[in-house]
N, C-alpha and C. Protein backbone atom coordinates (compact mmCIF):
# COMPACT_ATOMS: atom_id res chain seq x y z
N UNK A 1 23.52 5.18 22.59
CA UNK A 1 22.28 5.10 21.77
C UNK A 1 23.00 5.50 20.48
N UNK A 2 22.91 4.94 19.28
CA UNK A 2 23.40 5.46 18.07
C UNK A 2 22.07 6.15 17.30
N UNK A 3 22.47 7.34 16.62
CA UNK A 3 21.24 8.09 16.23
C UNK A 3 21.35 7.36 14.67
N UNK A 4 19.91 7.02 14.24
CA UNK A 4 19.81 6.68 12.81
C UNK A 4 18.88 7.52 12.21
N UNK A 5 19.25 7.95 11.00
CA UNK A 5 18.53 9.05 10.28
C UNK A 5 17.16 8.19 9.64
N UNK A 6 16.12 8.87 9.92
CA UNK A 6 14.79 8.25 8.97
C UNK A 6 14.29 9.25 7.83
N UNK A 7 13.72 8.49 7.00
CA UNK A 7 12.91 9.59 6.01
C UNK A 7 11.60 8.86 5.69
N UNK A 8 10.65 9.47 5.40
CA UNK A 8 9.33 9.40 5.05
C UNK A 8 9.66 8.64 3.35
N UNK A 9 9.04 7.54 3.26
CA UNK A 9 9.06 6.74 2.09
C UNK A 9 7.49 7.04 1.47
N UNK A 10 7.19 6.92 0.18
CA UNK A 10 5.84 6.83 -0.29
C UNK A 10 6.50 5.41 -0.99
N UNK A 11 5.39 4.43 -0.45
CA UNK A 11 5.27 3.09 -1.30
C UNK A 11 3.84 2.67 -1.77
N UNK A 12 4.25 1.84 -2.85
CA UNK A 12 3.19 1.45 -3.57
C UNK A 12 3.10 0.18 -3.44
N UNK A 13 2.12 -0.61 -3.01
CA UNK A 13 1.92 -2.18 -3.14
C UNK A 13 0.96 -2.30 -3.91
N UNK A 14 1.18 -3.36 -5.06
CA UNK A 14 -0.15 -3.70 -5.71
C UNK A 14 -1.18 -4.71 -4.87
N UNK A 15 -2.07 -4.92 -5.41
CA UNK A 15 -2.83 -5.79 -4.93
C UNK A 15 -2.35 -7.25 -5.09
N UNK A 16 -1.26 -7.50 -6.05
CA UNK A 16 -0.80 -8.97 -6.44
C UNK A 16 0.34 -9.31 -5.69
N UNK A 17 0.65 -8.18 -4.85
CA UNK A 17 1.93 -8.32 -4.23
C UNK A 17 2.16 -9.56 -3.57
N UNK A 18 3.26 -10.20 -3.50
CA UNK A 18 3.41 -11.55 -2.85
C UNK A 18 4.54 -11.39 -1.57
N UNK A 19 5.24 -10.09 -1.61
CA UNK A 19 6.11 -9.98 -0.76
C UNK A 19 6.72 -8.53 -0.81
N UNK A 20 7.70 -8.07 0.22
CA UNK A 20 8.03 -6.69 0.36
C UNK A 20 8.79 -6.58 -1.36
N UNK A 21 9.42 -7.57 -2.16
CA UNK A 21 9.83 -7.22 -3.32
C UNK A 21 9.09 -6.75 -4.33
N UNK A 22 8.17 -6.64 -4.10
CA UNK A 22 6.68 -6.40 -5.08
C UNK A 22 6.56 -5.01 -4.69
N UNK A 23 6.96 -4.42 -3.50
CA UNK A 23 6.55 -2.92 -2.90
C UNK A 23 7.64 -2.09 -3.94
N UNK A 24 6.63 -1.01 -4.58
CA UNK A 24 7.67 0.08 -5.19
C UNK A 24 7.94 1.14 -4.20
N UNK A 25 9.16 1.92 -4.22
CA UNK A 25 9.01 3.22 -3.46
C UNK A 25 9.19 4.05 -4.59
N UNK A 26 8.20 4.95 -4.60
CA UNK A 26 7.87 6.08 -5.35
C UNK A 26 8.85 7.28 -5.21
N UNK A 27 8.92 7.75 -3.73
CA UNK A 27 9.77 8.90 -3.65
C UNK A 27 9.99 8.77 -1.82
N UNK A 28 10.88 9.60 -1.78
CA UNK A 28 11.16 9.89 -0.32
C UNK A 28 11.31 11.28 -0.15
N UNK A 29 11.01 11.45 1.21
CA UNK A 29 11.04 13.02 1.71
C UNK A 29 12.85 13.04 2.24
N UNK A 30 13.45 14.04 1.68
CA UNK A 30 14.81 14.15 2.09
C UNK A 30 15.05 14.92 3.36
N UNK A 31 14.06 15.67 3.61
CA UNK A 31 14.08 16.23 5.04
C UNK A 31 12.84 16.93 5.39
N UNK A 32 12.62 17.31 6.51
CA UNK A 32 11.46 17.85 7.02
C UNK A 32 10.61 18.98 6.08
N UNK A 33 11.52 19.75 5.66
CA UNK A 33 10.90 20.66 4.36
C UNK A 33 10.38 20.10 3.09
N UNK A 34 11.27 18.88 2.67
CA UNK A 34 10.49 18.14 1.77
C UNK A 34 9.18 17.55 1.78
N UNK A 35 8.94 17.03 3.17
CA UNK A 35 7.74 16.26 3.44
C UNK A 35 6.33 16.76 2.81
N UNK A 36 5.90 17.99 2.67
CA UNK A 36 4.87 18.42 2.34
C UNK A 36 4.66 18.13 0.81
N UNK A 37 5.59 17.95 -0.45
CA UNK A 37 5.49 17.43 -1.34
C UNK A 37 5.18 16.10 -1.36
N UNK A 38 5.94 15.19 -0.63
CA UNK A 38 5.75 13.79 -0.74
C UNK A 38 4.33 13.39 0.04
N UNK A 39 3.80 14.38 0.94
CA UNK A 39 2.65 13.82 1.65
C UNK A 39 1.41 14.15 0.36
N UNK A 40 1.76 15.57 -0.33
CA UNK A 40 0.80 15.87 -1.45
C UNK A 40 0.62 14.68 -2.40
N UNK A 41 1.82 14.24 -2.81
CA UNK A 41 1.78 13.21 -3.86
C UNK A 41 0.98 11.77 -3.32
N UNK A 42 1.43 11.48 -2.00
CA UNK A 42 0.58 10.62 -1.25
C UNK A 42 -1.01 10.76 -1.48
N UNK A 43 -1.65 11.91 -0.94
CA UNK A 43 -3.06 12.42 -1.07
C UNK A 43 -3.39 12.21 -2.40
N UNK A 44 -2.60 12.65 -3.46
CA UNK A 44 -3.15 12.51 -4.88
C UNK A 44 -3.15 10.76 -5.36
N UNK A 45 -2.51 10.17 -5.28
CA UNK A 45 -2.22 8.75 -5.41
C UNK A 45 -3.43 8.05 -4.70
N UNK A 46 -3.80 8.45 -3.81
CA UNK A 46 -5.02 7.71 -2.99
C UNK A 46 -6.54 8.29 -3.59
N UNK A 47 -6.27 9.36 -4.11
CA UNK A 47 -7.45 10.27 -3.96
C UNK A 47 -8.75 9.51 -5.05
N UNK A 48 -8.60 8.65 -5.62
CA UNK A 48 -9.18 7.73 -6.49
C UNK A 48 -10.06 6.88 -5.87
N UNK A 49 -9.87 6.38 -4.59
CA UNK A 49 -10.24 5.44 -3.67
C UNK A 49 -11.37 6.23 -2.51
N UNK A 50 -11.50 7.39 -2.71
CA UNK A 50 -12.38 8.05 -1.78
C UNK A 50 -13.65 7.85 -2.25
N UNK A 51 -14.72 7.58 -1.43
CA UNK A 51 -16.01 7.40 -1.51
C UNK A 51 -16.72 8.81 -1.79
N UNK A 52 -18.26 8.72 -2.02
CA UNK A 52 -18.86 9.90 -2.09
C UNK A 52 -19.22 10.68 -0.91
N UNK A 53 -18.64 10.15 0.10
CA UNK A 53 -18.68 10.76 1.69
C UNK A 53 -17.12 11.38 1.91
N UNK A 54 -16.18 11.37 0.98
CA UNK A 54 -15.03 11.64 0.87
C UNK A 54 -13.92 10.79 1.85
N UNK A 55 -14.45 9.66 2.12
CA UNK A 55 -13.61 8.62 3.00
C UNK A 55 -13.06 7.65 2.25
N UNK A 56 -11.70 7.53 2.56
CA UNK A 56 -11.01 6.52 2.11
C UNK A 56 -11.98 5.29 2.00
N UNK A 57 -11.83 4.60 1.11
CA UNK A 57 -12.33 3.17 0.92
C UNK A 57 -11.49 2.16 0.33
N UNK A 58 -10.83 1.45 1.06
CA UNK A 58 -10.05 0.20 0.50
C UNK A 58 -10.47 -0.74 -0.80
N UNK A 59 -11.86 -0.73 -0.54
CA UNK A 59 -12.38 -1.67 -1.75
C UNK A 59 -12.40 -1.00 -3.20
N UNK A 60 -12.04 0.38 -2.94
CA UNK A 60 -11.74 0.98 -4.12
C UNK A 60 -10.63 1.40 -4.77
N UNK A 61 -9.60 0.83 -4.02
CA UNK A 61 -8.41 0.87 -4.48
C UNK A 61 -7.94 -0.02 -5.31
N UNK A 62 -6.96 0.65 -6.25
CA UNK A 62 -6.28 -0.43 -7.31
C UNK A 62 -4.93 -0.64 -7.02
N UNK A 63 -4.33 -0.05 -5.95
CA UNK A 63 -2.97 0.12 -5.34
C UNK A 63 -3.00 0.43 -4.03
N UNK A 64 -2.40 -0.05 -2.99
CA UNK A 64 -2.21 0.54 -1.62
C UNK A 64 -1.10 1.29 -1.42
N UNK A 65 -1.32 2.60 -1.13
CA UNK A 65 -0.17 3.60 -0.90
C UNK A 65 -0.14 3.98 0.71
N UNK A 66 1.10 3.95 1.08
CA UNK A 66 1.55 4.01 2.28
C UNK A 66 2.81 5.12 2.44
N UNK A 67 2.60 5.92 3.50
CA UNK A 67 3.83 6.94 3.96
C UNK A 67 4.66 5.72 5.37
N UNK A 68 5.74 5.78 4.98
CA UNK A 68 6.45 4.73 5.77
C UNK A 68 7.76 5.52 6.12
N UNK A 69 7.84 5.83 7.88
CA UNK A 69 8.85 6.25 8.19
C UNK A 69 10.07 5.46 8.57
N UNK A 70 11.36 5.14 8.01
CA UNK A 70 12.08 4.41 8.58
C UNK A 70 13.47 5.00 7.85
N UNK A 71 14.65 4.15 8.11
CA UNK A 71 16.08 4.65 7.61
C UNK A 71 16.25 4.02 6.35
N UNK A 72 15.80 2.86 5.67
CA UNK A 72 16.37 2.22 4.53
C UNK A 72 15.14 1.88 3.56
N UNK A 73 15.23 1.88 2.20
CA UNK A 73 14.30 1.24 1.23
C UNK A 73 14.05 0.03 1.97
N UNK A 74 14.89 -0.74 1.99
CA UNK A 74 14.51 -2.36 2.39
C UNK A 74 13.53 -2.27 3.40
N UNK A 75 13.74 -1.42 4.60
CA UNK A 75 12.70 -1.42 5.55
C UNK A 75 11.75 -0.91 5.14
N UNK A 76 11.54 0.09 4.43
CA UNK A 76 10.38 0.50 3.99
C UNK A 76 9.52 -0.26 3.07
N UNK A 77 10.08 -1.07 2.53
CA UNK A 77 9.22 -2.26 1.57
C UNK A 77 8.73 -3.11 2.61
N UNK A 78 9.55 -3.71 3.53
CA UNK A 78 9.14 -4.42 4.50
C UNK A 78 7.73 -4.04 5.25
N UNK A 79 7.66 -3.05 5.84
CA UNK A 79 6.70 -2.19 6.64
C UNK A 79 5.61 -1.99 6.02
N UNK A 80 5.77 -1.64 4.47
CA UNK A 80 4.60 -1.32 3.74
C UNK A 80 4.13 -2.53 3.07
N UNK A 81 4.64 -3.67 3.18
CA UNK A 81 4.00 -4.64 2.70
C UNK A 81 3.17 -5.42 3.70
N UNK A 82 4.10 -5.22 5.25
CA UNK A 82 3.54 -5.89 6.28
C UNK A 82 2.06 -4.97 6.56
N UNK A 83 1.75 -3.77 6.57
CA UNK A 83 0.60 -2.98 6.49
C UNK A 83 -0.28 -3.01 5.61
N UNK A 84 0.30 -3.29 4.36
CA UNK A 84 -0.76 -3.63 3.48
C UNK A 84 -1.47 -4.99 3.24
N UNK A 85 -1.09 -5.93 3.72
CA UNK A 85 -1.59 -7.37 3.61
C UNK A 85 -2.95 -7.44 3.85
N UNK A 86 -3.31 -6.88 5.20
CA UNK A 86 -4.69 -6.94 5.55
C UNK A 86 -6.08 -6.34 4.33
N UNK A 87 -5.15 -4.99 4.08
CA UNK A 87 -6.20 -4.33 3.29
C UNK A 87 -6.16 -5.14 1.87
N UNK A 88 -5.01 -5.23 1.39
CA UNK A 88 -5.03 -6.34 -0.06
C UNK A 88 -5.92 -7.56 0.31
N UNK A 89 -6.22 -8.26 1.08
CA UNK A 89 -7.17 -9.25 1.32
C UNK A 89 -8.41 -8.94 0.96
N UNK A 90 -8.96 -7.76 2.16
CA UNK A 90 -9.96 -7.35 2.27
C UNK A 90 -10.67 -6.69 0.72
N UNK A 91 -9.48 -6.07 0.06
CA UNK A 91 -10.01 -5.84 -1.67
C UNK A 91 -10.21 -6.66 -2.29
N UNK A 92 -9.47 -7.98 -2.24
CA UNK A 92 -9.59 -9.03 -3.18
C UNK A 92 -10.76 -9.91 -3.00
N UNK A 93 -11.15 -9.97 -1.49
CA UNK A 93 -12.44 -10.51 -1.28
C UNK A 93 -13.74 -9.63 -1.74
N UNK A 94 -13.72 -8.38 -1.57
CA UNK A 94 -14.61 -7.65 -2.25
C UNK A 94 -14.79 -7.91 -3.44
N UNK A 95 -13.69 -7.98 -4.36
CA UNK A 95 -13.77 -8.21 -5.82
C UNK A 95 -14.29 -9.27 -6.29
N UNK A 96 -14.11 -10.50 -5.27
CA UNK A 96 -14.62 -11.79 -5.71
C UNK A 96 -16.02 -11.76 -5.28
N UNK A 97 -16.52 -11.20 -4.28
CA UNK A 97 -17.91 -11.27 -3.71
C UNK A 97 -18.72 -10.14 -5.06
N UNK A 98 -18.30 -9.28 -5.04
CA UNK A 98 -19.11 -8.15 -5.98
C UNK A 98 -18.80 -8.47 -7.52
N UNK A 99 -17.99 -8.78 -8.01
CA UNK A 99 -17.80 -9.30 -9.36
C UNK A 99 -17.32 -10.65 -9.71
N UNK A 100 -17.36 -11.23 -8.93
CA UNK A 100 -16.73 -12.82 -9.17
C UNK A 100 -15.29 -12.79 -10.04
N UNK A 101 -14.22 -12.14 -9.36
CA UNK A 101 -13.17 -11.74 -10.17
C UNK A 101 -12.27 -12.96 -9.82
N UNK A 102 -12.22 -13.63 -11.07
CA UNK A 102 -11.36 -15.21 -11.06
C UNK A 102 -9.69 -14.78 -10.55
N UNK A 103 -9.30 -13.48 -11.23
CA UNK A 103 -7.89 -13.32 -10.86
C UNK A 103 -7.77 -13.10 -9.21
N UNK A 104 -8.69 -12.32 -8.72
CA UNK A 104 -8.68 -11.69 -7.27
C UNK A 104 -8.85 -13.14 -6.53
N UNK A 105 -9.75 -14.06 -7.00
CA UNK A 105 -9.81 -15.41 -6.19
C UNK A 105 -8.58 -16.35 -6.03
N UNK A 106 -7.75 -16.19 -7.38
CA UNK A 106 -6.52 -16.88 -7.47
C UNK A 106 -5.68 -16.39 -6.50
N UNK A 107 -5.55 -15.06 -6.50
CA UNK A 107 -4.29 -14.42 -5.73
C UNK A 107 -4.72 -14.65 -4.34
N UNK A 108 -5.97 -14.57 -3.84
CA UNK A 108 -6.19 -14.96 -2.33
C UNK A 108 -5.93 -16.29 -2.14
N UNK A 109 -6.49 -17.33 -2.96
CA UNK A 109 -5.77 -18.94 -2.56
C UNK A 109 -4.36 -18.77 -2.66
N UNK A 110 -3.89 -18.55 -3.84
CA UNK A 110 -2.44 -18.64 -4.22
C UNK A 110 -1.16 -18.25 -2.96
N UNK A 111 -1.79 -16.59 -2.75
CA UNK A 111 -0.79 -16.08 -2.38
C UNK A 111 -0.88 -15.63 -0.62
N UNK A 112 -2.21 -15.83 -0.54
CA UNK A 112 -2.71 -15.52 0.67
C UNK A 112 -3.35 -16.53 1.45
N UNK A 113 -3.24 -17.77 0.92
CA UNK A 113 -3.94 -19.13 1.52
C UNK A 113 -5.28 -18.88 2.18
N UNK A 114 -6.38 -17.71 1.39
CA UNK A 114 -7.38 -17.64 1.60
C UNK A 114 -8.83 -18.03 0.83
N UNK A 115 -9.55 -19.05 1.40
CA UNK A 115 -10.49 -19.49 0.47
C UNK A 115 -11.51 -18.35 0.13
N UNK A 116 -12.16 -18.08 -0.75
CA UNK A 116 -13.29 -17.38 -1.00
C UNK A 116 -14.51 -17.86 -1.62
């Protein structure tokens, strides 16, 4: 068995992302002592999406933020996009239903092949 070093990557996936190439790596924890810094930044980035009950609400998010533990930036982007896809679709569907957002409707159809 070969040892492979893993890092925690803080990733940002925009609602308009079409693939892993659109995921941004904001930072990574270099070691376990550095993790609290990355986790604090993660919490701060997501804070705008909490509702009045202090629960995270995907429909309030402007971007999807994830902490991904893996060995490379490429793997982190792939995992972040994979994890974010359902949340992106839910967010965009909500925008279409609540605000009749034409851009969200277009992204759903063209990128995710979802009719709304």
